[in-house]
PDB file of N, CA and C in Angstrom:
ATOM      1  N   MET A   1       0.680  -1.181  -0.209  1.00  0.00           N
ATOM      2  CA  MET A   1      -0.102   0.211  -0.150  1.00  0.00           C
ATOM      3  C   MET A   1       0.823   1.382  -0.305  1.00  0.00           C
ATOM      4  N   LYS A   2       0.469   2.366  -0.300  1.00  0.00           N
ATOM      5  CA  LYS A   2       1.181   3.638  -0.573  1.00  0.00           C
ATOM      6  C   LYS A   2       0.796   4.277   0.786  1.00  0.00           C
ATOM      7  N   LEU A   3       1.782   5.031   1.510  1.00  0.00           N
ATOM      8  CA  LEU A   3       1.590   5.755   2.387  1.00  0.00           C
ATOM      9  C   LEU A   3       1.908   7.208   2.222  1.00  0.00           C
ATOM     10  N   VAL A   4       1.099   8.028   2.896  1.00  0.00           N
ATOM     11  CA  VAL A   4       1.297   9.704   2.159  1.00  0.00           C
ATOM     12  C   VAL A   4       1.558  10.278   3.139  1.00  0.00           C
ATOM     13  N   TYR A   5       2.445  11.236   3.609  1.00  0.00           N
ATOM     14  CA  TYR A   5       2.650  12.176   4.805  1.00  0.00           C
ATOM     15  C   TYR A   5       2.535  13.247   4.384  1.00  0.00           C
ATOM     16  N   PHE A   6       1.957  14.507   5.256  1.00  0.00           N
ATOM     17  CA  PHE A   6       1.473  15.821   5.204  1.00  0.00           C
ATOM     18  C   PHE A   6       2.146  16.825   5.979  1.00  0.00           C
ATOM     19  N   ALA A   7       2.457  17.884   5.813  1.00  0.00           N
ATOM     20  CA  ALA A   7       3.038  18.717   6.702  1.00  0.00           C
ATOM     21  C   ALA A   7       4.110  18.375   7.694  1.00  0.00           C
ATOM     22  N   TRP A   8       3.801  18.431   9.140  1.00  0.00           N
ATOM     23  CA  TRP A   8       4.624  18.193   9.851  1.00  0.00           C
ATOM     24  C   TRP A   8       4.702  16.956  10.062  1.00  0.00           C
ATOM     25  N   VAL A   9       3.700  15.885   9.849  1.00  0.00           N
ATOM     26  CA  VAL A   9       4.114  14.633  10.021  1.00  0.00           C
ATOM     27  C   VAL A   9       5.147  14.073   8.612  1.00  0.00           C
ATOM     28  N   ARG A  10       5.233  14.649   7.769  1.00  0.00           N
ATOM     29  CA  ARG A  10       5.872  14.669   6.714  1.00  0.00           C
ATOM     30  C   ARG A  10       7.490  14.727   7.220  1.00  0.00           C
ATOM     31  N   GLU A  11       7.263  16.033   7.542  1.00  0.00           N
ATOM     32  CA  GLU A  11       8.607  16.723   8.125  1.00  0.00           C
ATOM     33  C   GLU A  11       9.723  15.630   8.911  1.00  0.00           C
ATOM     34  N   ARG A  12       8.874  15.274  10.050  1.00  0.00           N
ATOM     35  CA  ARG A  12       9.505  14.530  10.901  1.00  0.00           C
ATOM     36  C   ARG A  12      10.130  13.131  10.214  1.00  0.00           C
ATOM     37  N   ILE A  13       9.159  12.748   9.299  1.00  0.00           N
ATOM     38  CA  ILE A  13       9.669  11.232   8.790  1.00  0.00           C
ATOM     39  C   ILE A  13      10.644  11.297   8.070  1.00  0.00           C
ATOM     40  N   GLY A  14      10.695  12.705   7.246  1.00  0.00           N
ATOM     41  CA  GLY A  14      11.851  13.102   6.368  1.00  0.00           C
ATOM     42  C   GLY A  14      11.228  12.489   5.123  1.00  0.00           C
ATOM     43  N   ARG A  15       9.888  12.133   4.592  1.00  0.00           N
ATOM     44  CA  ARG A  15       9.740  11.886   3.337  1.00  0.00           C
ATOM     45  C   ARG A  15       8.159  12.160   3.242  1.00  0.00           C
ATOM     46  N   ALA A  16       7.941  12.249   1.675  1.00  0.00           N
ATOM     47  CA  ALA A  16       6.311  12.964   1.289  1.00  0.00           C
ATOM     48  C   ALA A  16       5.474  11.334   1.417  1.00  0.00           C
ATOM     49  N   GLU A  17       6.052  10.061   0.949  1.00  0.00           N
ATOM     50  CA  GLU A  17       5.107   9.092   0.892  1.00  0.00           C
ATOM     51  C   GLU A  17       6.110   8.118   0.330  1.00  0.00           C
ATOM     52  N   GLU A  18       5.810   6.467   0.870  1.00  0.00           N
ATOM     53  CA  GLU A  18       6.178   5.339   0.473  1.00  0.00           C
ATOM     54  C   GLU A  18       5.542   4.145   0.262  1.00  0.00           C
ATOM     55  N   GLU A  19       5.888   3.138   0.221  1.00  0.00           N
ATOM     56  CA  GLU A  19       5.169   1.964  -0.574  1.00  0.00           C
ATOM     57  C   GLU A  19       6.057   0.828   0.241  1.00  0.00           C
ATOM     58  N   THR A  20       4.711   0.314   0.844  1.00  0.00           N
ATOM     59  CA  THR A  20       5.012  -0.571   2.165  1.00  0.00           C
ATOM     60  C   THR A  20       4.033  -1.572   2.275  1.00  0.00           C
ATOM     61  N   GLU A  21       4.537  -2.946   2.892  1.00  0.00           N
ATOM     62  CA  GLU A  21       3.422  -4.069   3.334  1.00  0.00           C
ATOM     63  C   GLU A  21       3.701  -4.036   4.519  1.00  0.00           C
ATOM     64  N   ALA A  22       2.179  -3.940   5.406  1.00  0.00           N
ATOM     65  CA  ALA A  22       2.224  -3.751   6.978  1.00  0.00           C
ATOM     66  C   ALA A  22       2.210  -5.594   7.051  1.00  0.00           C
ATOM     67  N   PRO A  23       2.776  -5.923   8.402  1.00  0.00           N
ATOM     68  CA  PRO A  23       2.302  -7.634   8.493  1.00  0.00           C
ATOM     69  C   PRO A  23       0.852  -7.790   8.665  1.00  0.00           C
ATOM     70  N   ASP A  24       0.813  -9.118   8.654  1.00  0.00           N
ATOM     71  CA  ASP A  24      -0.347  -9.512   8.195  1.00  0.00           C
ATOM     72  C   ASP A  24      -1.425  -9.227   9.865  1.00  0.00           C
ATOM     73  N   ASP A  25      -1.017  -9.061  10.942  1.00  0.00           N
ATOM     74  CA  ASP A  25      -1.709  -8.383  12.437  1.00  0.00           C
ATOM     75  C   ASP A  25      -1.849  -7.230  12.279  1.00  0.00           C
ATOM     76  N   VAL A  26      -1.364  -6.398  11.319  1.00  0.00           N
ATOM     77  CA  VAL A  26      -1.798  -4.939  11.580  1.00  0.00           C
ATOM     78  C   VAL A  26      -3.287  -4.980  10.679  1.00  0.00           C
ATOM     79  N   ALA A  27      -4.389  -4.985  11.376  1.00  0.00           N
ATOM     80  CA  ALA A  27      -5.561  -4.748  10.541  1.00  0.00           C
ATOM     81  C   ALA A  27      -6.495  -3.201  10.610  1.00  0.00           C
ATOM     82  N   THR A  28      -5.682  -2.441  11.532  1.00  0.00           N
ATOM     83  CA  THR A  28      -6.634  -0.893  11.400  1.00  0.00           C
ATOM     84  C   THR A  28      -5.718  -0.085  11.422  1.00  0.00           C
ATOM     85  N   VAL A  29      -5.879   1.332  11.011  1.00  0.00           N
ATOM     86  CA  VAL A  29      -5.186   2.416  11.062  1.00  0.00           C
ATOM     87  C   VAL A  29      -4.163   2.433  12.383  1.00  0.00           C
ATOM     88  N   GLY A  30      -5.369   2.111  13.420  1.00  0.00           N
ATOM     89  CA  GLY A  30      -4.346   2.465  14.944  1.00  0.00           C
ATOM     90  C   GLY A  30      -3.354   1.265  14.810  1.00  0.00           C
ATOM     91  N   ASP A  31      -3.471   0.235  14.317  1.00  0.00           N
ATOM     92  CA  ASP A  31      -2.232  -0.800  14.206  1.00  0.00           C
ATOM     93  C   ASP A  31      -1.213  -0.380  13.358  1.00  0.00           C
ATOM     94  N   LEU A  32      -1.707  -0.014  12.575  1.00  0.00           N
ATOM     95  CA  LEU A  32      -0.768   0.760  11.469  1.00  0.00           C
ATOM     96  C   LEU A  32       0.092   1.724  12.252  1.00  0.00           C
ATOM     97  N   VAL A  33      -0.576   2.431  12.759  1.00  0.00           N
ATOM     98  CA  VAL A  33       0.497   3.632  13.410  1.00  0.00           C
ATOM     99  C   VAL A  33       1.345   2.946  14.187  1.00  0.00           C
ATOM    100  N   GLY A  34       0.840   2.199  15.105  1.00  0.00           N
ATOM    101  CA  GLY A  34       1.619   1.326  16.162  1.00  0.00           C
ATOM    102  C   GLY A  34       2.685   0.727  15.879  1.00  0.00           C
ATOM    103  N   TRP A  35       2.363   0.278  14.610  1.00  0.00           N
ATOM    104  CA  TRP A  35       3.621  -0.678  13.770  1.00  0.00           C
ATOM    105  C   TRP A  35       4.800   0.403  13.110  1.00  0.00           C
ATOM    106  N   LEU A  36       4.006   1.607  12.528  1.00  0.00           N
ATOM    107  CA  LEU A  36       4.904   2.942  11.959  1.00  0.00           C
ATOM    108  C   LEU A  36       5.952   2.956  13.269  1.00  0.00           C
ATOM    109  N   ARG A  37       5.436   3.429  14.116  1.00  0.00           N
ATOM    110  CA  ARG A  37       6.294   4.098  15.358  1.00  0.00           C
ATOM    111  C   ARG A  37       7.436   2.878  15.877  1.00  0.00           C
ATOM    112  N   LYS A  38       7.295   1.659  15.695  1.00  0.00           N
ATOM    113  CA  LYS A  38       8.453   0.907  15.865  1.00  0.00           C
ATOM    114  C   LYS A  38       9.851   0.910  14.859  1.00  0.00           C
ATOM    115  N   ARG A  39       9.289   1.769  13.754  1.00  0.00           N
ATOM    116  CA  ARG A  39      10.043   1.280  12.519  1.00  0.00           C
ATOM    117  C   ARG A  39      11.226   2.394  12.559  1.00  0.00           C
ATOM    118  N   GLY A  40      11.566   3.331  13.760  1.00  0.00           N
ATOM    119  CA  GLY A  40      12.706   4.098  13.789  1.00  0.00           C
ATOM    120  C   GLY A  40      12.364   5.422  14.425  1.00  0.00           C
ATOM    121  N   PRO A  41      13.182   6.221  15.038  1.00  0.00           N
ATOM    122  CA  PRO A  41      12.915   7.334  15.428  1.00  0.00           C
ATOM    123  C   PRO A  41      12.310   8.724  14.926  1.00  0.00           C
ATOM    124  N   GLU A  42      12.709   8.639  13.820  1.00  0.00           N
ATOM    125  CA  GLU A  42      11.510   9.251  13.041  1.00  0.00           C
ATOM    126  C   GLU A  42      10.029   9.338  13.068  1.00  0.00           C
ATOM    127  N   TYR A  43       9.864   8.019  12.947  1.00  0.00           N
ATOM    128  CA  TYR A  43       8.426   7.621  12.847  1.00  0.00           C
ATOM    129  C   TYR A  43       7.870   7.664  14.282  1.00  0.00           C
ATOM    130  N   GLU A  44       8.619   7.195  15.275  1.00  0.00           N
ATOM    131  CA  GLU A  44       8.408   7.526  16.645  1.00  0.00           C
ATOM    132  C   GLU A  44       7.837   9.180  16.817  1.00  0.00           C
ATOM    133  N   SER A  45       8.698   9.939  16.400  1.00  0.00           N
ATOM    134  CA  SER A  45       8.479  11.265  16.442  1.00  0.00           C
ATOM    135  C   SER A  45       7.253  11.725  15.529  1.00  0.00           C
ATOM    136  N   ALA A  46       6.834  11.371  14.675  1.00  0.00           N
ATOM    137  CA  ALA A  46       5.816  11.748  13.941  1.00  0.00           C
ATOM    138  C   ALA A  46       4.717  11.430  14.573  1.00  0.00           C
ATOM    139  N   PHE A  47       4.780  10.040  15.213  1.00  0.00           N
ATOM    140  CA  PHE A  47       3.280   9.567  15.812  1.00  0.00           C
ATOM    141  C   PHE A  47       3.456   9.702  17.050  1.00  0.00           C
ATOM    142  N   ALA A  48       4.353   9.974  17.550  1.00  0.00           N
ATOM    143  CA  ALA A  48       4.414  10.128  19.465  1.00  0.00           C
ATOM    144  C   ALA A  48       2.905  10.569  19.868  1.00  0.00           C
ATOM    145  N   THR A  49       2.102  11.277  19.267  1.00  0.00           N
ATOM    146  CA  THR A  49       0.878  11.703  19.925  1.00  0.00           C
ATOM    147  C   THR A  49      -0.129  11.078  18.759  1.00  0.00           C
ATOM    148  N   GLY A  50      -0.190   9.826  19.036  1.00  0.00           N
ATOM    149  CA  GLY A  50      -0.751   9.273  17.651  1.00  0.00           C
ATOM    150  C   GLY A  50      -2.265   9.816  17.823  1.00  0.00           C
ATOM    151  N   ALA A  51      -2.991   9.791  18.484  1.00  0.00           N
ATOM    152  CA  ALA A  51      -3.906  10.214  18.934  1.00  0.00           C
ATOM    153  C   ALA A  51      -4.470  11.596  18.128  1.00  0.00           C
ATOM    154  N   VAL A  52      -3.201  12.520  17.948  1.00  0.00           N
ATOM    155  CA  VAL A  52      -3.576  13.798  17.047  1.00  0.00           C
ATOM    156  C   VAL A  52      -3.205  14.145  15.548  1.00  0.00           C
ATOM    157  N   VAL A  53      -2.599  12.821  15.218  1.00  0.00           N
ATOM    158  CA  VAL A  53      -2.275  12.485  13.763  1.00  0.00           C
ATOM    159  C   VAL A  53      -3.802  12.153  13.154  1.00  0.00           C
ATOM    160  N   ARG A  54      -4.185  12.500  11.899  1.00  0.00           N
ATOM    161  CA  ARG A  54      -5.416  11.932  11.104  1.00  0.00           C
ATOM    162  C   ARG A  54      -5.158  11.196  10.064  1.00  0.00           C
ATOM    163  N   ALA A  55      -6.068  10.488   9.792  1.00  0.00           N
ATOM    164  CA  ALA A  55      -5.639   9.531   8.798  1.00  0.00           C
ATOM    165  C   ALA A  55      -7.000   9.546   7.719  1.00  0.00           C
ATOM    166  N   ALA A  56      -6.746   9.300   6.542  1.00  0.00           N
ATOM    167  CA  ALA A  56      -7.614   9.028   5.577  1.00  0.00           C
ATOM    168  C   ALA A  56      -7.363   7.638   4.355  1.00  0.00           C
ATOM    169  N   ILE A  57      -7.953   7.085   4.355  1.00  0.00           N
ATOM    170  CA  ILE A  57      -8.079   5.641   3.210  1.00  0.00           C
ATOM    171  C   ILE A  57      -8.474   6.269   2.155  1.00  0.00           C
ATOM    172  N   ASP A  58      -7.876   5.856   0.963  1.00  0.00           N
ATOM    173  CA  ASP A  58      -8.293   6.154  -0.376  1.00  0.00           C
ATOM    174  C   ASP A  58      -9.056   7.788  -0.338  1.00  0.00           C
ATOM    175  N   ARG A  59      -8.718   8.495   0.106  1.00  0.00           N
ATOM    176  CA  ARG A  59      -8.974   9.973   0.427  1.00  0.00           C
ATOM    177  C   ARG A  59      -9.982  10.073   1.119  1.00  0.00           C
ATOM    178  N   ARG A  60     -10.670   8.853   1.984  1.00  0.00           N
ATOM    179  CA  ARG A  60     -11.887   9.920   3.105  1.00  0.00           C
ATOM    180  C   ARG A  60     -11.473   9.383   4.386  1.00  0.00           C
ATOM    181  N   HIS A  61     -11.828  10.269   5.166  1.00  0.00           N
ATOM    182  CA  HIS A  61     -11.288  10.670   6.600  1.00  0.00           C
ATOM    183  C   HIS A  61     -11.657   9.183   7.360  1.00  0.00           C
ATOM    184  N   VAL A  62     -10.809   8.892   8.524  1.00  0.00           N
ATOM    185  CA  VAL A  62     -11.309   7.438   8.872  1.00  0.00           C
ATOM    186  C   VAL A  62     -10.738   7.659  10.426  1.00  0.00           C
ATOM    187  N   LYS A  63     -11.812   6.672  11.346  1.00  0.00           N
ATOM    188  CA  LYS A  63     -10.954   6.919  12.238  1.00  0.00           C
ATOM    189  C   LYS A  63     -10.342   5.769  13.034  1.00  0.00           C
ATOM    190  N   PRO A  64      -9.140   5.573  13.994  1.00  0.00           N
ATOM    191  CA  PRO A  64      -8.038   4.814  14.285  1.00  0.00           C
ATOM    192  C   PRO A  64      -8.636   3.390  14.065  1.00  0.00           C
ATOM    193  N   ASP A  65      -9.940   3.118  14.072  1.00  0.00           N
ATOM    194  CA  ASP A  65     -10.439   1.498  14.400  1.00  0.00           C
ATOM    195  C   ASP A  65     -10.992   1.318  12.560  1.00  0.00           C
ATOM    196  N   ALA A  66     -10.696   2.153  11.389  1.00  0.00           N
ATOM    197  CA  ALA A  66     -10.801   1.813  10.287  1.00  0.00           C
ATOM    198  C   ALA A  66      -9.933   0.829   9.830  1.00  0.00           C
ATOM    199  N   ALA A  67     -10.458  -0.234   9.169  1.00  0.00           N
ATOM    200  CA  ALA A  67      -9.676  -1.465   8.755  1.00  0.00           C
ATOM    201  C   ALA A  67      -9.335  -0.890   7.720  1.00  0.00           C
ATOM    202  N   ILE A  68      -8.046  -1.370   7.025  1.00  0.00           N
ATOM    203  CA  ILE A  68      -6.790  -1.150   6.127  1.00  0.00           C
ATOM    204  C   ILE A  68      -7.055  -2.105   5.129  1.00  0.00           C
ATOM    205  N   ALA A  69      -7.766  -3.211   4.976  1.00  0.00           N
ATOM    206  CA  ALA A  69      -7.984  -4.267   3.938  1.00  0.00           C
ATOM    207  C   ALA A  69      -8.061  -3.610   2.814  1.00  0.00           C
ATOM    208  N   GLY A  70      -7.567  -3.836   1.774  1.00  0.00           N
ATOM    209  CA  GLY A  70      -7.957  -3.508   0.326  1.00  0.00           C
ATOM    210  C   GLY A  70      -7.419  -1.961   0.471  1.00  0.00           C
ATOM    211  N   ALA A  71      -7.190  -0.971   0.934  1.00  0.00           N
ATOM    212  CA  ALA A  71      -6.637   0.040   0.918  1.00  0.00           C
ATOM    213  C   ALA A  71      -5.537   0.217  -0.093  1.00  0.00           C
ATOM    214  N   ARG A  72      -5.791   1.138  -1.051  1.00  0.00           N
ATOM    215  CA  ARG A  72      -4.373   1.587  -2.065  1.00  0.00           C
ATOM    216  C   ARG A  72      -3.656   2.171  -1.252  1.00  0.00           C
ATOM    217  N   GLU A  73      -4.304   3.491  -0.743  1.00  0.00           N
ATOM    218  CA  GLU A  73      -3.488   5.025  -0.082  1.00  0.00           C
ATOM    219  C   GLU A  73      -3.727   4.849   1.449  1.00  0.00           C
ATOM    220  N   ILE A  74      -3.199   5.181   2.138  1.00  0.00           N
ATOM    221  CA  ILE A  74      -3.245   6.048   3.248  1.00  0.00           C
ATOM    222  C   ILE A  74      -2.829   7.078   3.838  1.00  0.00           C
ATOM    223  N   ALA A  75      -3.240   8.267   3.910  1.00  0.00           N
ATOM    224  CA  ALA A  75      -2.599   9.161   4.478  1.00  0.00           C
ATOM    225  C   ALA A  75      -2.733   9.661   5.748  1.00  0.00           C
ATOM    226  N   PHE A  76      -1.556  10.225   6.307  1.00  0.00           N
ATOM    227  CA  PHE A  76      -1.259  10.657   7.362  1.00  0.00           C
ATOM    228  C   PHE A  76      -1.402  12.297   7.483  1.00  0.00           C
ATOM    229  N   PHE A  77      -2.120  13.191   8.716  1.00  0.00           N
ATOM    230  CA  PHE A  77      -1.613  14.417   8.323  1.00  0.00           C
ATOM    231  C   PHE A  77      -2.496  15.072  10.059  1.00  0.00           C
ATOM    232  N   PRO A  78      -1.573  15.957   9.934  1.00  0.00           N
ATOM    233  CA  PRO A  78      -2.061  16.669  11.165  1.00  0.00           C
ATOM    234  C   PRO A  78      -3.568  17.303  11.432  1.00  0.00           C
ATOM    235  N   PRO A  79      -3.815  17.466  12.638  1.00  0.00           N
ATOM    236  CA  PRO A  79      -5.609  18.153  12.477  1.00  0.00           C
ATOM    237  C   PRO A  79      -5.443  19.600  11.864  1.00  0.00           C
ATOM    238  N   MET A  80      -6.869  19.684  11.177  1.00  0.00           N
ATOM    239  CA  MET A  80      -6.854  21.028  10.345  1.00  0.00           C
ATOM    240  C   MET A  80      -7.618  22.184  11.307  1.00  0.00           C
ATOM    241  N   THR A  81      -7.347  23.160  11.036  1.00  0.00           N
ATOM    242  CA  THR A  81      -8.009  24.386  11.647  1.00  0.00           C
ATOM    243  C   THR A  81      -8.519  25.178  10.274  1.00  0.00           C
ATOM    244  N   GLY A  82      -9.546  26.143  11.094  1.00  0.00           N
ATOM    245  CA  GLY A  82     -10.619  26.729   9.841  1.00  0.00           C
ATOM    246  C   GLY A  82     -11.376  27.562  10.639  1.00  0.00           C
ATOM    247  N   GLY A  83     -11.237  28.764   9.851  1.00  0.00           N
ATOM    248  CA  GLY A  83     -11.772  30.055  10.339  1.00  0.00           C
ATOM    249  C   GLY A  83     -12.927  30.485   9.418  1.00  0.00           C
TER     250      GLY A  83
END
């Protein structure tokens, strides 16, 4: 699957996107975040406050309990503010 990172998530990880395959036991966005945090200090920094980072699967906003099976693209981004 393709992972895409935006704003300070991208800055902390040091890349805008990557292709990866998560282990079979990674079933949800929350599981994916937990797995990514273990991949190195840059990921740990980006997802240190995992509840703050938002996610979208195939361009639709999702919650951490959303299943990732069949996802083509998962994007991670900080909360947005508007005015």
